[in-house]
C-alpha atoms as a PDB file:
ATOM      1  CA  UNK A   1      81.248 117.031  41.118  1.00  0.00           C
ATOM      2  CA  UNK A   2      78.794 115.422  38.187  1.00  0.00           C
ATOM      3  CA  UNK A   3      75.471 116.818  38.713  1.00  0.00           C
ATOM      4  CA  UNK A   4      72.500 115.718  36.214  1.00  0.00           C
ATOM      5  CA  UNK A   5      69.860 118.321  35.835  1.00  0.00           C
ATOM      6  CA  UNK A   6      66.477 117.449  34.568  1.00  0.00           C
ATOM      7  CA  UNK A   7      65.087 120.115  32.410  1.00  0.00           C
ATOM      8  CA  UNK A   8      61.825 120.382  30.855  1.00  0.00           C
ATOM      9  CA  UNK A   9      61.482 121.732  27.243  1.00  0.00           C
ATOM     10  CA  UNK A  10      57.847 121.206  26.052  1.00  0.00           C
ATOM     11  CA  UNK A  11      56.779 117.964  26.223  1.00  0.00           C
ATOM     12  CA  UNK A  12      60.319 116.408  26.244  1.00  0.00           C
ATOM     13  CA  UNK A  13      62.518 115.904  29.013  1.00  0.00           C
ATOM     14  CA  UNK A  14      66.126 116.639  28.251  1.00  0.00           C
ATOM     15  CA  UNK A  15      69.253 115.918  30.459  1.00  0.00           C
ATOM     16  CA  UNK A  16      71.765 118.466  30.926  1.00  0.00           C
ATOM     17  CA  UNK A  17      75.287 118.508  32.348  1.00  0.00           C
ATOM     18  CA  UNK A  18      77.238 121.187  34.192  1.00  0.00           C
ATOM     19  CA  UNK A  19      80.591 121.846  33.124  1.00  0.00           C
ATOM     20  CA  UNK A  20      82.216 120.003  35.747  1.00  0.00           C
ATOM     21  CA  UNK A  21      80.377 116.882  34.324  1.00  0.00           C
ATOM     22  CA  UNK A  22      81.428 117.596  30.963  1.00  0.00           C
ATOM     23  CA  UNK A  23      84.879 117.678  31.957  1.00  0.00           C
ATOM     24  CA  UNK A  24      84.777 114.233  33.576  1.00  0.00           C
ATOM     25  CA  UNK A  25      83.203 112.718  30.717  1.00  0.00           C
ATOM     26  CA  UNK A  26      85.415 114.117  27.991  1.00  0.00           C
ATOM     27  CA  UNK A  27      88.701 114.227  30.106  1.00  0.00           C
ATOM     28  CA  UNK A  28      88.956 117.968  29.268  1.00  0.00           C
ATOM     29  CA  UNK A  29      89.900 120.806  31.528  1.00  0.00           C
ATOM     30  CA  UNK A  30      86.976 123.158  32.149  1.00  0.00           C
ATOM     31  CA  UNK A  31      89.108 126.104  31.109  1.00  0.00           C
ATOM     32  CA  UNK A  32      89.943 124.426  27.732  1.00  0.00           C
ATOM     33  CA  UNK A  33      86.237 123.696  27.212  1.00  0.00           C
ATOM     34  CA  UNK A  34      85.516 127.587  27.618  1.00  0.00           C
ATOM     35  CA  UNK A  35      88.155 128.440  25.121  1.00  0.00           C
ATOM     36  CA  UNK A  36      86.870 125.855  22.794  1.00  0.00           C
ATOM     37  CA  UNK A  37      83.419 127.420  23.032  1.00  0.00           C
ATOM     38  CA  UNK A  38      84.464 131.180  22.656  1.00  0.00           C
ATOM     39  CA  UNK A  39      87.327 130.728  19.807  1.00  0.00           C
ATOM     40  CA  UNK A  40      85.767 127.982  18.093  1.00  0.00           C
ATOM     41  CA  UNK A  41      82.027 127.982  18.776  1.00  0.00           C
ATOM     42  CA  UNK A  42      82.582 123.989  18.854  1.00  0.00           C
ATOM     43  CA  UNK A  43      79.149 123.922  21.277  1.00  0.00           C
ATOM     44  CA  UNK A  44      76.640 126.386  22.304  1.00  0.00           C
ATOM     45  CA  UNK A  45      75.499 125.310  25.814  1.00  0.00           C
ATOM     46  CA  UNK A  46      72.436 126.647  27.021  1.00  0.00           C
ATOM     47  CA  UNK A  47      71.995 128.733  30.508  1.00  0.00           C
ATOM     48  CA  UNK A  48      70.403 128.190  33.642  1.00  0.00           C
ATOM     49  CA  UNK A  49      68.330 131.010  35.136  1.00  0.00           C
ATOM     50  CA  UNK A  50      71.494 131.457  37.368  1.00  0.00           C
ATOM     51  CA  UNK A  51      73.716 131.785  34.044  1.00  0.00           C
ATOM     52  CA  UNK A  52      75.551 128.329  34.623  1.00  0.00           C
ATOM     53  CA  UNK A  53      76.255 126.391  31.414  1.00  0.00           C
ATOM     54  CA  UNK A  54      73.940 123.493  30.725  1.00  0.00           C
ATOM     55  CA  UNK A  55      75.382 120.939  28.025  1.00  0.00           C
ATOM     56  CA  UNK A  56      73.328 118.155  26.351  1.00  0.00           C
ATOM     57  CA  UNK A  57      74.488 114.224  25.712  1.00  0.00           C
ATOM     58  CA  UNK A  58      74.982 115.695  22.281  1.00  0.00           C
ATOM     59  CA  UNK A  59      77.399 118.369  23.553  1.00  0.00           C
ATOM     60  CA  UNK A  60      79.343 115.856  25.451  1.00  0.00           C
ATOM     61  CA  UNK A  61      79.695 113.667  22.466  1.00  0.00           C
ATOM     62  CA  UNK A  62      80.951 116.457  20.043  1.00  0.00           C
ATOM     63  CA  UNK A  63      83.635 117.373  22.678  1.00  0.00           C
ATOM     64  CA  UNK A  64      84.583 114.010  23.442  1.00  0.00           C
ATOM     65  CA  UNK A  65      85.110 113.507  19.240  1.00  0.00           C
ATOM     66  CA  UNK A  66      86.853 116.752  18.992  1.00  0.00           C
ATOM     67  CA  UNK A  67      89.183 115.873  21.920  1.00  0.00           C
ATOM     68  CA  UNK A  68      90.040 112.500  20.656  1.00  0.00           C
ATOM     69  CA  UNK A  69      90.943 113.817  17.090  1.00  0.00           C
ATOM     70  CA  UNK A  70      92.964 116.736  18.731  1.00  0.00           C
ATOM     71  CA  UNK A  71      95.079 114.041  20.712  1.00  0.00           C
ATOM     72  CA  UNK A  72      95.779 112.291  17.315  1.00  0.00           C
ATOM     73  CA  UNK A  73      97.539 115.401  16.114  1.00  0.00           C
ATOM     74  CA  UNK A  74      94.454 117.447  14.321  1.00  0.00           C
ATOM     75  CA  UNK A  75      94.475 121.238  15.270  1.00  0.00           C
ATOM     76  CA  UNK A  76      91.275 122.167  16.739  1.00  0.00           C
ATOM     77  CA  UNK A  77      90.762 125.209  13.820  1.00  0.00           C
ATOM     78  CA  UNK A  78      90.976 122.784  11.161  1.00  0.00           C
ATOM     79  CA  UNK A  79      88.113 120.545  12.399  1.00  0.00           C
ATOM     80  CA  UNK A  80      86.009 122.690  14.866  1.00  0.00           C
ATOM     81  CA  UNK A  81      83.552 123.572  12.032  1.00  0.00           C
ATOM     82  CA  UNK A  82      82.844 119.713  10.841  1.00  0.00           C
ATOM     83  CA  UNK A  83      79.448 118.351  11.877  1.00  0.00           C
ATOM     84  CA  UNK A  84      79.290 115.365  14.669  1.00  0.00           C
ATOM     85  CA  UNK A  85      78.694 112.978  12.109  1.00  0.00           C
ATOM     86  CA  UNK A  86      81.813 114.008  10.044  1.00  0.00           C
ATOM     87  CA  UNK A  87      83.898 114.235  13.121  1.00  0.00           C
ATOM     88  CA  UNK A  88      82.777 110.526  13.794  1.00  0.00           C
ATOM     89  CA  UNK A  89      83.580 109.729  10.227  1.00  0.00           C
ATOM     90  CA  UNK A  90      87.173 111.070  10.536  1.00  0.00           C
ATOM     91  CA  UNK A  91      88.018 109.362  13.820  1.00  0.00           C
ATOM     92  CA  UNK A  92      86.740 106.059  12.371  1.00  0.00           C
ATOM     93  CA  UNK A  93      89.063 106.588   9.326  1.00  0.00           C
ATOM     94  CA  UNK A  94      91.964 107.326  11.431  1.00  0.00           C
ATOM     95  CA  UNK A  95      91.269 104.449  13.987  1.00  0.00           C
ATOM     96  CA  UNK A  96      90.039 101.932  11.673  1.00  0.00           C
ATOM     97  CA  UNK A  97      86.645 100.526  10.985  1.00  0.00           C
ATOM     98  CA  UNK A  98      86.901  98.173  13.938  1.00  0.00           C
ATOM     99  CA  UNK A  99      87.221 100.626  16.766  1.00  0.00           C
ATOM    100  CA  UNK A 100      84.414 101.698  18.931  1.00  0.00           C
ATOM    101  CA  UNK A 101      82.995 105.477  18.194  1.00  0.00           C
ATOM    102  CA  UNK A 102      81.998 107.713  21.309  1.00  0.00           C
ATOM    103  CA  UNK A 103      78.285 107.141  22.191  1.00  0.00           C
ATOM    104  CA  UNK A 104      77.977 104.119  20.064  1.00  0.00           C
ATOM    105  CA  UNK A 105      78.499 101.009  22.257  1.00  0.00           C
ATOM    106  CA  UNK A 106      76.097  98.560  21.156  1.00  0.00           C
ATOM    107  CA  UNK A 107      77.055  95.831  24.108  1.00  0.00           C
ATOM    108  CA  UNK A 108      78.208  96.630  27.853  1.00  0.00           C
ATOM    109  CA  UNK A 109      78.627  93.774  30.510  1.00  0.00           C
ATOM    110  CA  UNK A 110      77.445  95.013  33.734  1.00  0.00           C
ATOM    111  CA  UNK A 111      77.961  93.920  37.350  1.00  0.00           C
ATOM    112  CA  UNK A 112      75.299  95.608  39.334  1.00  0.00           C
ATOM    113  CA  UNK A 113      75.560  96.323  43.068  1.00  0.00           C
ATOM    114  CA  UNK A 114      72.765  97.821  45.271  1.00  0.00           C
ATOM    115  CA  UNK A 115      68.801  96.905  45.946  1.00  0.00           C
ATOM    116  CA  UNK A 116      67.494  99.903  44.155  1.00  0.00           C
ATOM    117  CA  UNK A 117      69.739  99.425  41.076  1.00  0.00           C
ATOM    118  CA  UNK A 118      69.147  95.882  41.197  1.00  0.00           C
ATOM    119  CA  UNK A 119      65.433  96.223  41.199  1.00  0.00           C
ATOM    120  CA  UNK A 120      65.829  98.663  38.323  1.00  0.00           C
ATOM    121  CA  UNK A 121      67.731  96.425  36.139  1.00  0.00           C
ATOM    122  CA  UNK A 122      64.985  93.594  36.765  1.00  0.00           C
ATOM    123  CA  UNK A 123      62.966  95.607  34.498  1.00  0.00           C
ATOM    124  CA  UNK A 124      63.250  94.675  31.033  1.00  0.00           C
ATOM    125  CA  UNK A 125      65.064  96.861  28.591  1.00  0.00           C
ATOM    126  CA  UNK A 126      65.700  99.457  31.654  1.00  0.00           C
ATOM    127  CA  UNK A 127      68.980 100.507  30.021  1.00  0.00           C
ATOM    128  CA  UNK A 128      68.964  99.130  26.432  1.00  0.00           C
ATOM    129  CA  UNK A 129      72.362  97.510  24.998  1.00  0.00           C
ATOM    130  CA  UNK A 130      73.240  96.472  28.427  1.00  0.00           C
ATOM    131  CA  UNK A 131      73.937  92.812  29.503  1.00  0.00           C
ATOM    132  CA  UNK A 132      73.462  92.198  33.261  1.00  0.00           C
ATOM    133  CA  UNK A 133      75.958  89.445  34.199  1.00  0.00           C
ATOM    134  CA  UNK A 134      75.169  89.713  37.913  1.00  0.00           C
ATOM    135  CA  UNK A 135      73.711  91.690  40.643  1.00  0.00           C
ATOM    136  CA  UNK A 136      73.995  91.868  44.569  1.00  0.00           C
ATOM    137  CA  UNK A 137      72.512  93.714  47.056  1.00  0.00           C
ATOM    138  CA  UNK A 138      75.390  95.262  48.875  1.00  0.00           C
ATOM    139  CA  UNK A 139      79.328  95.530  48.009  1.00  0.00           C
ATOM    140  CA  UNK A 140      80.222  93.085  50.995  1.00  0.00           C
ATOM    141  CA  UNK A 141      78.092  90.169  49.255  1.00  0.00           C
ATOM    142  CA  UNK A 142      80.650  90.273  45.989  1.00  0.00           C
ATOM    143  CA  UNK A 143      83.463  88.889  48.160  1.00  0.00           C
ATOM    144  CA  UNK A 144      82.597  85.455  47.707  1.00  0.00           C
ATOM    145  CA  UNK A 145      81.513  85.598  44.174  1.00  0.00           C
ATOM    146  CA  UNK A 146      83.822  83.903  41.117  1.00  0.00           C
ATOM    147  CA  UNK A 147      84.388  87.049  39.209  1.00  0.00           C
ATOM    148  CA  UNK A 148      83.404  87.156  35.854  1.00  0.00           C
ATOM    149  CA  UNK A 149      84.828  89.722  33.347  1.00  0.00           C
ATOM    150  CA  UNK A 150      82.540  92.710  32.751  1.00  0.00           C
ATOM    151  CA  UNK A 151      82.740  96.249  31.334  1.00  0.00           C
ATOM    152  CA  UNK A 152      81.248  98.336  33.939  1.00  0.00           C
ATOM    153  CA  UNK A 153      80.734  97.761  37.710  1.00  0.00           C
ATOM    154  CA  UNK A 154      77.714  99.918  38.685  1.00  0.00           C
ATOM    155  CA  UNK A 155      77.731 100.310  42.492  1.00  0.00           C
ATOM    156  CA  UNK A 156      74.951 101.987  44.851  1.00  0.00           C
ATOM    157  CA  UNK A 157      76.235 103.363  47.914  1.00  0.00           C
ATOM    158  CA  UNK A 158      74.138 105.301  50.237  1.00  0.00           C
ATOM    159  CA  UNK A 159      77.337 107.004  51.610  1.00  0.00           C
ATOM    160  CA  UNK A 160      80.764 107.347  50.069  1.00  0.00           C
ATOM    161  CA  UNK A 161      83.940 107.650  52.256  1.00  0.00           C
ATOM    162  CA  UNK A 162      87.833 107.335  51.163  1.00  0.00           C
ATOM    163  CA  UNK A 163      88.244 103.960  52.714  1.00  0.00           C
ATOM    164  CA  UNK A 164      85.614 102.683  50.340  1.00  0.00           C
ATOM    165  CA  UNK A 165      87.757 103.655  47.271  1.00  0.00           C
ATOM    166  CA  UNK A 166      90.354 100.581  47.426  1.00  0.00           C
ATOM    167  CA  UNK A 167      87.589  98.089  47.833  1.00  0.00           C
ATOM    168  CA  UNK A 168      86.097  99.250  44.409  1.00  0.00           C
ATOM    169  CA  UNK A 169      89.439  99.543  43.082  1.00  0.00           C
ATOM    170  CA  UNK A 170      89.964  95.885  43.811  1.00  0.00           C
ATOM    171  CA  UNK A 171      86.732  94.936  42.535  1.00  0.00           C
ATOM    172  CA  UNK A 172      87.573  96.562  39.263  1.00  0.00           C
ATOM    173  CA  UNK A 173      90.825  94.595  39.048  1.00  0.00           C
ATOM    174  CA  UNK A 174      88.971  91.444  39.752  1.00  0.00           C
ATOM    175  CA  UNK A 175      86.501  91.764  37.268  1.00  0.00           C
ATOM    176  CA  UNK A 176      88.870  93.319  34.452  1.00  0.00           C
ATOM    177  CA  UNK A 177      86.045  96.149  34.240  1.00  0.00           C
ATOM    178  CA  UNK A 178      86.998  99.217  32.299  1.00  0.00           C
ATOM    179  CA  UNK A 179      85.147 101.441  34.475  1.00  0.00           C
ATOM    180  CA  UNK A 180      83.184 101.679  37.716  1.00  0.00           C
ATOM    181  CA  UNK A 181      80.247 104.002  38.337  1.00  0.00           C
ATOM    182  CA  UNK A 182      79.540 104.863  41.843  1.00  0.00           C
ATOM    183  CA  UNK A 183      75.877 106.245  42.585  1.00  0.00           C
ATOM    184  CA  UNK A 184      76.054 107.657  46.085  1.00  0.00           C
ATOM    185  CA  UNK A 185      73.620 109.726  48.046  1.00  0.00           C
ATOM    186  CA  UNK A 186      75.989 111.384  50.480  1.00  0.00           C
ATOM    187  CA  UNK A 187      79.394 111.849  50.358  1.00  0.00           C
ATOM    188  CA  UNK A 188      82.367 113.842  51.786  1.00  0.00           C
ATOM    189  CA  UNK A 189      83.381 116.714  49.371  1.00  0.00           C
ATOM    190  CA  UNK A 190      86.963 115.520  49.711  1.00  0.00           C
ATOM    191  CA  UNK A 191      86.241 112.106  48.647  1.00  0.00           C
ATOM    192  CA  UNK A 192      84.380 112.929  45.589  1.00  0.00           C
ATOM    193  CA  UNK A 193      87.269 115.392  44.767  1.00  0.00           C
ATOM    194  CA  UNK A 194      89.736 112.921  45.213  1.00  0.00           C
ATOM    195  CA  UNK A 195      88.114 110.776  42.745  1.00  0.00           C
ATOM    196  CA  UNK A 196      87.492 113.451  40.219  1.00  0.00           C
ATOM    197  CA  UNK A 197      90.915 114.680  40.203  1.00  0.00           C
ATOM    198  CA  UNK A 198      93.275 111.323  40.641  1.00  0.00           C
ATOM    199  CA  UNK A 199      91.589 108.154  40.484  1.00  0.00           C
ATOM    200  CA  UNK A 200      91.327 106.846  37.046  1.00  0.00           C
ATOM    201  CA  UNK A 201      88.589 104.427  35.897  1.00  0.00           C
ATOM    202  CA  UNK A 202      85.755 105.513  38.700  1.00  0.00           C
ATOM    203  CA  UNK A 203      82.799 107.833  38.050  1.00  0.00           C
ATOM    204  CA  UNK A 204      80.977 109.465  40.773  1.00  0.00           C
ATOM    205  CA  UNK A 205      77.092 110.122  40.210  1.00  0.00           C
ATOM    206  CA  UNK A 206      74.908 111.598  42.910  1.00  0.00           C
ATOM    207  CA  UNK A 207      71.629 109.777  43.373  1.00  0.00           C
ATOM    208  CA  UNK A 208      68.890 109.677  42.136  1.00  0.00           C
ATOM    209  CA  UNK A 209      69.245 108.742  38.854  1.00  0.00           C
ATOM    210  CA  UNK A 210      66.755 107.365  36.296  1.00  0.00           C
ATOM    211  CA  UNK A 211      67.381 105.324  33.026  1.00  0.00           C
ATOM    212  CA  UNK A 212      68.176 107.888  30.555  1.00  0.00           C
ATOM    213  CA  UNK A 213      70.839 109.277  32.814  1.00  0.00           C
ATOM    214  CA  UNK A 214      72.455 106.049  33.330  1.00  0.00           C
ATOM    215  CA  UNK A 215      72.293 105.298  29.739  1.00  0.00           C
ATOM    216  CA  UNK A 216      74.120 108.534  29.066  1.00  0.00           C
ATOM    217  CA  UNK A 217      76.876 107.964  31.425  1.00  0.00           C
ATOM    218  CA  UNK A 218      77.374 104.230  30.956  1.00  0.00           C
ATOM    219  CA  UNK A 219      77.738 104.718  27.164  1.00  0.00           C
ATOM    220  CA  UNK A 220      79.915 107.511  27.546  1.00  0.00           C
ATOM    221  CA  UNK A 221      82.314 105.887  29.950  1.00  0.00           C
ATOM    222  CA  UNK A 222      82.548 102.439  28.060  1.00  0.00           C
ATOM    223  CA  UNK A 223      83.258 104.362  24.982  1.00  0.00           C
ATOM    224  CA  UNK A 224      85.859 106.708  26.467  1.00  0.00           C
ATOM    225  CA  UNK A 225      87.372 103.585  28.103  1.00  0.00           C
ATOM    226  CA  UNK A 226      87.439 101.436  25.021  1.00  0.00           C
ATOM    227  CA  UNK A 227      89.101 104.266  23.091  1.00  0.00           C
ATOM    228  CA  UNK A 228      92.361 104.351  25.645  1.00  0.00           C
ATOM    229  CA  UNK A 229      92.181 100.852  26.362  1.00  0.00           C
ATOM    230  CA  UNK A 230      94.296  99.833  23.246  1.00  0.00           C
ATOM    231  CA  UNK A 231      97.129 102.162  24.273  1.00  0.00           C
ATOM    232  CA  UNK A 232      96.740 102.073  27.889  1.00  0.00           C
ATOM    233  CA  UNK A 233      98.389  98.749  29.505  1.00  0.00           C
ATOM    234  CA  UNK A 234      98.034  97.925  33.307  1.00  0.00           C
ATOM    235  CA  UNK A 235     100.866  98.478  35.354  1.00  0.00           C
ATOM    236  CA  UNK A 236     102.668  95.218  36.261  1.00  0.00           C
ATOM    237  CA  UNK A 237     103.358  94.989  39.766  1.00  0.00           C
ATOM    238  CA  UNK A 238     105.254  92.036  40.629  1.00  0.00           C
ATOM    239  CA  UNK A 239     105.280  90.081  44.177  1.00  0.00           C
ATOM    240  CA  UNK A 240     109.212  90.487  44.592  1.00  0.00           C
ATOM    241  CA  UNK A 241     110.728  90.965  47.707  1.00  0.00           C
ATOM    242  CA  UNK A 242     112.146  94.559  48.390  1.00  0.00           C
ATOM    243  CA  UNK A 243     116.023  93.763  48.452  1.00  0.00           C
ATOM    244  CA  UNK A 244     117.657  95.183  51.694  1.00  0.00           C
ATOM    245  CA  UNK A 245     120.088  97.850  51.456  1.00  0.00           C
ATOM    246  CA  UNK A 246     123.760  96.930  51.384  1.00  0.00           C
ATOM    247  CA  UNK A 247     125.307 100.380  52.065  1.00  0.00           C
ATOM    248  CA  UNK A 248     124.058 102.938  54.755  1.00  0.00           C
ATOM    249  CA  UNK A 249     124.012 106.553  53.915  1.00  0.00           C
ATOM    250  CA  UNK A 250     127.145 107.198  55.816  1.00  0.00           C
ATOM    251  CA  UNK A 251     128.833 104.484  53.678  1.00  0.00           C
ATOM    252  CA  UNK A 252     127.593 106.117  50.578  1.00  0.00           C
ATOM    253  CA  UNK A 253     128.677 109.422  51.345  1.00  0.00           C
ATOM    254  CA  UNK A 254     132.047 107.925  52.153  1.00  0.00           C
ATOM    255  CA  UNK A 255     132.197 106.217  48.912  1.00  0.00           C
ATOM    256  CA  UNK A 256     131.559 109.229  47.055  1.00  0.00           C
ATOM    257  CA  UNK A 257     134.773 111.026  48.570  1.00  0.00           C
ATOM    258  CA  UNK A 258     137.033 107.986  48.371  1.00  0.00           C
ATOM    259  CA  UNK A 259     140.393 108.353  46.495  1.00  0.00           C
ATOM    260  CA  UNK A 260     141.404 105.596  44.122  1.00  0.00           C
ATOM    261  CA  UNK A 261     144.757 104.136  43.345  1.00  0.00           C
ATOM    262  CA  UNK A 262     144.125 104.929  39.826  1.00  0.00           C
ATOM    263  CA  UNK A 263     142.200 108.325  38.185  1.00  0.00           C
ATOM    264  CA  UNK A 264     138.754 106.896  38.557  1.00  0.00           C
ATOM    265  CA  UNK A 265     135.737 108.624  39.563  1.00  0.00           C
ATOM    266  CA  UNK A 266     133.528 105.599  39.668  1.00  0.00           C
ATOM    267  CA  UNK A 267     133.222 105.629  43.593  1.00  0.00           C
ATOM    268  CA  UNK A 268     132.188 108.928  43.346  1.00  0.00           C
ATOM    269  CA  UNK A 269     129.558 108.794  40.770  1.00  0.00           C
ATOM    270  CA  UNK A 270     128.346 105.331  42.083  1.00  0.00           C
ATOM    271  CA  UNK A 271     127.893 106.948  45.447  1.00  0.00           C
ATOM    272  CA  UNK A 272     125.805 109.589  44.538  1.00  0.00           C
ATOM    273  CA  UNK A 273     123.670 107.865  41.952  1.00  0.00           C
ATOM    274  CA  UNK A 274     122.903 105.349  44.823  1.00  0.00           C
ATOM    275  CA  UNK A 275     122.045 108.293  47.247  1.00  0.00           C
ATOM    276  CA  UNK A 276     119.604 109.516  44.566  1.00  0.00           C
ATOM    277  CA  UNK A 277     118.155 106.005  43.909  1.00  0.00           C
ATOM    278  CA  UNK A 278     117.803 105.456  47.753  1.00  0.00           C
ATOM    279  CA  UNK A 279     116.074 108.727  48.178  1.00  0.00           C
ATOM    280  CA  UNK A 280     113.577 108.229  45.557  1.00  0.00           C
ATOM    281  CA  UNK A 281     113.039 104.630  46.629  1.00  0.00           C
ATOM    282  CA  UNK A 282     111.965 106.152  50.077  1.00  0.00           C
ATOM    283  CA  UNK A 283     109.706 108.778  48.130  1.00  0.00           C
ATOM    284  CA  UNK A 284     107.921 106.070  46.184  1.00  0.00           C
ATOM    285  CA  UNK A 285     107.345 103.915  49.166  1.00  0.00           C
ATOM    286  CA  UNK A 286     105.834 106.865  50.998  1.00  0.00           C
ATOM    287  CA  UNK A 287     103.712 107.770  48.275  1.00  0.00           C
ATOM    288  CA  UNK A 288     102.486 104.035  47.885  1.00  0.00           C
ATOM    289  CA  UNK A 289     100.963 104.511  51.172  1.00  0.00           C
ATOM    290  CA  UNK A 290      99.666 108.018  51.024  1.00  0.00           C
ATOM    291  CA  UNK A 291      98.101 108.016  47.612  1.00  0.00           C
ATOM    292  CA  UNK A 292      94.812 106.037  46.998  1.00  0.00           C
ATOM    293  CA  UNK A 293      94.798 107.123  43.565  1.00  0.00           C
ATOM    294  CA  UNK A 294      98.309 106.150  42.240  1.00  0.00           C
ATOM    295  CA  UNK A 295      98.768 103.375  44.637  1.00  0.00           C
ATOM    296  CA  UNK A 296      99.788 100.613  41.904  1.00  0.00           C
ATOM    297  CA  UNK A 297     101.763 103.118  40.253  1.00  0.00           C
ATOM    298  CA  UNK A 298     103.982 104.213  43.070  1.00  0.00           C
ATOM    299  CA  UNK A 299     104.129 100.421  44.256  1.00  0.00           C
ATOM    300  CA  UNK A 300     105.607  99.540  40.972  1.00  0.00           C
ATOM    301  CA  UNK A 301     108.065 102.663  41.071  1.00  0.00           C
ATOM    302  CA  UNK A 302     109.115 101.362  44.581  1.00  0.00           C
ATOM    303  CA  UNK A 303     109.665  97.955  43.540  1.00  0.00           C
ATOM    304  CA  UNK A 304     111.733  99.108  40.399  1.00  0.00           C
ATOM    305  CA  UNK A 305     113.655 101.637  42.061  1.00  0.00           C
ATOM    306  CA  UNK A 306     114.737  98.951  44.989  1.00  0.00           C
ATOM    307  CA  UNK A 307     115.916  96.539  42.103  1.00  0.00           C
ATOM    308  CA  UNK A 308     118.104  99.198  40.290  1.00  0.00           C
ATOM    309  CA  UNK A 309     119.427 100.438  43.475  1.00  0.00           C
ATOM    310  CA  UNK A 310     120.589  96.663  44.540  1.00  0.00           C
ATOM    311  CA  UNK A 311     122.052  95.935  41.128  1.00  0.00           C
ATOM    312  CA  UNK A 312     124.135  99.562  41.327  1.00  0.00           C
ATOM    313  CA  UNK A 313     124.995  98.422  44.923  1.00  0.00           C
ATOM    314  CA  UNK A 314     126.436  95.224  43.323  1.00  0.00           C
ATOM    315  CA  UNK A 315     128.276  97.290  40.943  1.00  0.00           C
ATOM    316  CA  UNK A 316     129.601  99.736  43.719  1.00  0.00           C
ATOM    317  CA  UNK A 317     130.763  96.578  45.885  1.00  0.00           C
ATOM    318  CA  UNK A 318     133.134  95.349  42.754  1.00  0.00           C
ATOM    319  CA  UNK A 319     134.624  98.802  42.630  1.00  0.00           C
ATOM    320  CA  UNK A 320     135.275  99.039  46.241  1.00  0.00           C
ATOM    321  CA  UNK A 321     136.858  95.354  46.221  1.00  0.00           C
ATOM    322  CA  UNK A 322     138.885  96.226  43.103  1.00  0.00           C
ATOM    323  CA  UNK A 323     140.147  99.364  44.559  1.00  0.00           C
ATOM    324  CA  UNK A 324     140.635  98.189  47.944  1.00  0.00           C
ATOM    325  CA  UNK A 325     138.508 100.792  49.690  1.00  0.00           C
ATOM    326  CA  UNK A 326     137.468 100.600  53.216  1.00  0.00           C
ATOM    327  CA  UNK A 327     133.976 102.170  53.907  1.00  0.00           C
END
């Protein structure tokens, strides 16, 4: 769970992130973060009175840059000692000058949902560089809205439950948003864990939050999404009907054992292949209904496998007709 801890340092107030929040923002596992700290001293987080690590926004930025470069083939040992500015320059040189840099998003189009957040965003420059495209008092009010493309959907929820997630995922798709940030007050631990472990493009953030906290989170999320958007393509799920099965399990088993008039093992291979395809088709269908995190992916796998199964059934039928096999 992401936790933002306001700490006072002299007269300046600085925001700190716990390691779980850093993991969410950077896409790194917590063990990997600790290893990079210990072996390469990439960041030096402060410690709370209870000895918990506390990372600054600058630490998050640095780790994000390092991970982006490592993902592009750089060995961590060769870049760990570089300054943050040098890391930015190296990443910009590799990606091209037109690619966005972490924490350097100049413009972000927002859809804001929730009375408290809407009131905050009525204040001029509440979060600088963010353009408010539309705002609503509650999630239900967005249903009749002619959706405009936005970069981030910022949602205020007093309570957050598992059945709210599909609604938010649908809103992300309608608005073509890169991210959704949910500011919640109360939530089931299982729901937050489900989001953080398996649901892409959604960031949970416990209320209350102030302008500085939102600035850090929104810019980090937009920068992270922008870097991956060129490589990541949406899963194309068609509306085609799932073709019905032509053969039963018993018929496939019989086909795999059938003898032919010539020395051909095609019925055997086709029967075994179709049995595997059918089993995986059923598995994908069950995952589609059970996993909110990867619903679109499993729907795609279900449809694709069903189409492949239908084509191979046609091939088996041709062999059966040619060989005069009775199933």
